[in-house]
C-alpha cells in the first residue's frame, strides 16, 4: 500500500483511537471528585460518607455510554454527598471481584457504607443485572443516589 494511502487511513483512524470514547468514556472528571479505591475507602471511613462505586473497563461500550450520565447536573450535585470511586475491572481485578454480588458484568454501580460494605438492597429497578443502571438516562442513577444517601448517611451518623 502506498505511503499516502497509509497516512490517509491513519489520519482517519487516529481520532477514534485517542478519543475519550475509546478510552472508557468521559466520566466528568471536572465535575465529579473521583477517587482511587484505596484513597476513597480511607476518605469514607475518615469522613463517614457513603461510597458510590463504579466498576467498568476502558474498552466497554456500555461503560462509555454510562460515563455520560455523570454529566447530568443533578448527578453531579448528588455525587458531592458520596465518596465517588471508579474501579477498572481489568486493571484491578482482584478488588473488582469483591464487588460482584450478582456477577461480574460491567458497568456495575454499587453503594457502600462508610466501612466499605455493599448495601445490596440499593439496586437498579430490574430483575437481572441488579447493579446495571440505565446507560443513557440518568433518572435511575439519580433515584438510587438519593435513596442511598438517605439510607447510608443515617447509618454512618451523618446528616
Protein backbone atom coordinates (compact mmCIF):
# COMPACT_ATOMS: atom_id res chain seq x y z
CA UNK A 1 0.00 0.00 0.00
CA UNK A 2 1.42 3.40 -0.92
CA UNK A 3 2.58 5.68 1.89
CA UNK A 4 -0.04 8.29 1.03
CA UNK A 5 -2.85 5.73 1.47
CA UNK A 6 -1.44 4.59 4.78
CA UNK A 7 -1.21 8.15 6.05
CA UNK A 8 -4.80 8.83 4.98
CA UNK A 9 -6.03 5.74 6.82
CA UNK A 10 -4.03 6.73 9.90
CA UNK A 11 -5.46 10.26 9.77
CA UNK A 12 -8.99 8.83 9.68
CA UNK A 13 -8.48 6.20 12.37
CA UNK A 14 -6.28 8.16 14.80
CA UNK A 15 -9.10 10.30 16.28
CA UNK A 16 -11.01 7.12 17.11
CA UNK A 17 -8.04 5.65 18.91
CA UNK A 18 -7.40 8.68 21.12
CA UNK A 19 -10.97 9.82 21.73
CA UNK A 20 -12.49 9.62 25.23
CA UNK A 21 -15.00 7.06 23.97
CA UNK A 22 -12.20 4.68 23.08
CA UNK A 23 -10.57 5.27 26.46
CA UNK A 24 -13.53 4.22 28.60
CA UNK A 25 -15.61 7.34 28.30
CA UNK A 26 -15.74 10.86 29.66
CA UNK A 27 -16.64 10.48 33.34
CA UNK A 28 -16.84 14.23 34.04
CA UNK A 29 -13.57 14.40 35.96
CA UNK A 30 -14.02 18.17 36.34
CA UNK A 31 -17.45 17.89 37.97
CA UNK A 32 -17.17 14.64 39.94
CA UNK A 33 -14.43 14.12 42.55
CA UNK A 34 -13.35 10.60 41.56
CA UNK A 35 -11.05 8.76 43.96
CA UNK A 36 -8.93 5.65 43.68
CA UNK A 37 -10.19 2.64 45.59
CA UNK A 38 -7.72 2.89 48.47
CA UNK A 39 -7.99 6.67 48.75
CA UNK A 40 -11.79 6.50 48.59
CA UNK A 41 -12.12 3.88 51.31
CA UNK A 42 -9.86 5.87 53.62
CA UNK A 43 -11.79 9.09 52.94
CA UNK A 44 -15.16 7.38 53.54
CA UNK A 45 -14.01 5.98 56.89
CA UNK A 46 -12.49 9.28 57.93
CA UNK A 47 -15.45 11.47 56.87
CA UNK A 48 -18.27 8.97 57.49
CA UNK A 49 -19.54 9.41 53.93
CA UNK A 50 -21.16 6.65 51.89
CA UNK A 51 -19.44 5.40 48.74
CA UNK A 52 -20.69 5.21 45.16
CA UNK A 53 -18.53 2.57 43.45
CA UNK A 54 -18.49 2.15 39.66
CA UNK A 55 -16.83 -0.96 38.20
CA UNK A 56 -16.05 -0.52 34.49
CA UNK A 57 -13.41 -1.19 31.85
CA UNK A 58 -11.70 1.12 29.39
CA UNK A 59 -12.95 -0.80 26.34
CA UNK A 60 -16.58 -1.42 27.30
CA UNK A 61 -19.05 0.43 25.02
CA UNK A 62 -21.76 0.33 27.70
CA UNK A 63 -19.32 1.93 30.14
CA UNK A 64 -18.58 4.66 27.62
CA UNK A 65 -22.30 5.36 27.28
CA UNK A 66 -22.78 5.24 31.05
CA UNK A 67 -19.93 7.70 31.64
CA UNK A 68 -22.05 10.43 30.02
CA UNK A 69 -24.70 10.06 32.76
CA UNK A 70 -22.21 11.70 35.14
CA UNK A 71 -22.51 14.96 33.19
CA UNK A 72 -26.12 15.34 34.34
CA UNK A 73 -26.31 18.39 36.64
CA UNK A 74 -28.29 16.55 39.31
CA UNK A 75 -26.00 13.51 39.28
CA UNK A 76 -23.01 15.83 39.58
CA UNK A 77 -24.62 17.59 42.56
CA UNK A 78 -25.66 14.31 44.22
CA UNK A 79 -22.10 12.98 43.82
CA UNK A 80 -20.95 15.54 46.40
CA UNK A 81 -22.72 13.50 49.10
CA UNK A 82 -20.61 10.42 48.31
CA UNK A 83 -17.04 9.36 48.02
CA UNK A 84 -17.00 8.54 44.31
CA UNK A 85 -14.80 5.60 43.30
CA UNK A 86 -14.25 4.35 39.76
CA UNK A 87 -12.63 0.92 39.59
CA UNK A 88 -11.28 -0.53 36.34
CA UNK A 89 -12.09 -4.26 36.41
CA UNK A 90 -9.16 -5.14 34.14
CA UNK A 91 -6.53 -3.12 35.98
CA UNK A 92 -7.67 -4.04 39.48
CA UNK A 93 -9.46 -7.35 39.01
CA UNK A 94 -8.68 -8.65 42.50
CA UNK A 95 -10.57 -5.78 44.11
CA UNK A 96 -13.30 -5.70 41.44
CA UNK A 97 -14.10 -9.38 42.08
CA UNK A 98 -15.07 -8.46 45.65
CA UNK A 99 -17.84 -6.27 44.21
CA UNK A 100 -19.88 -8.65 42.09
CA UNK A 101 -22.77 -9.82 44.27
CA UNK A 102 -24.73 -10.97 41.23
CA UNK A 103 -21.97 -11.33 38.64
CA UNK A 104 -19.04 -9.51 37.08
CA UNK A 105 -20.81 -7.70 34.22
CA UNK A 106 -19.92 -4.07 33.55
CA UNK A 107 -20.66 -1.37 34.29
CA UNK A 108 -21.78 -2.06 37.86
CA UNK A 109 -22.75 0.67 40.30
CA UNK A 110 -22.93 -0.17 43.97
CA UNK A 111 -23.46 1.89 47.06
CA UNK A 112 -21.38 1.12 50.12
CA UNK A 113 -21.49 2.35 53.68
CA UNK A 114 -18.51 4.25 55.04
CA UNK A 115 -16.95 0.94 56.16
CA UNK A 116 -16.92 -0.30 52.55
CA UNK A 117 -19.77 -2.83 52.88
CA UNK A 118 -22.13 -3.12 49.89
CA UNK A 119 -25.71 -2.05 50.55
CA UNK A 120 -27.21 -4.90 48.49
CA UNK A 121 -30.73 -3.56 48.94
CA UNK A 122 -29.90 -0.47 46.82
CA UNK A 123 -30.03 -1.61 43.22
CA UNK A 124 -31.35 -0.81 39.77
CA UNK A 125 -35.05 -1.46 39.09
CA UNK A 126 -34.60 -4.75 37.23
CA UNK A 127 -34.76 -8.50 37.83
CA UNK A 128 -31.34 -9.32 36.41
CA UNK A 129 -28.03 -7.43 36.48
CA UNK A 130 -29.15 -5.63 39.61
CA UNK A 131 -26.35 -3.07 39.63
CA UNK A 132 -26.58 -2.08 35.96
CA UNK A 133 -28.28 1.31 35.71
CA UNK A 134 -29.66 2.83 32.51
CA UNK A 135 -26.63 3.87 30.48
CA UNK A 136 -28.45 6.67 28.61
CA UNK A 137 -30.93 8.17 31.09
CA UNK A 138 -29.62 9.45 34.44
CA UNK A 139 -33.03 9.15 36.20
CA UNK A 140 -32.39 5.65 37.61
CA UNK A 141 -29.00 6.64 38.97
CA UNK A 142 -30.37 9.89 40.45
CA UNK A 143 -33.09 7.94 42.26
CA UNK A 144 -30.60 5.39 43.56
CA UNK A 145 -28.18 8.09 44.71
CA UNK A 146 -30.95 9.94 46.55
CA UNK A 147 -32.14 6.77 48.30
CA UNK A 148 -28.62 5.59 49.08
CA UNK A 149 -27.64 8.90 50.57
CA UNK A 150 -30.69 8.95 52.85
CA UNK A 151 -30.23 5.36 53.93
CA UNK A 152 -26.45 5.25 54.27
CA UNK A 153 -25.91 8.70 55.81
CA UNK A 154 -28.21 7.69 58.68
CA UNK A 155 -26.18 4.52 59.26
CA UNK A 156 -22.94 6.49 59.10
CA UNK A 157 -24.24 9.02 61.64
CA UNK A 158 -24.13 11.97 59.20
CA UNK A 159 -26.84 14.45 58.30
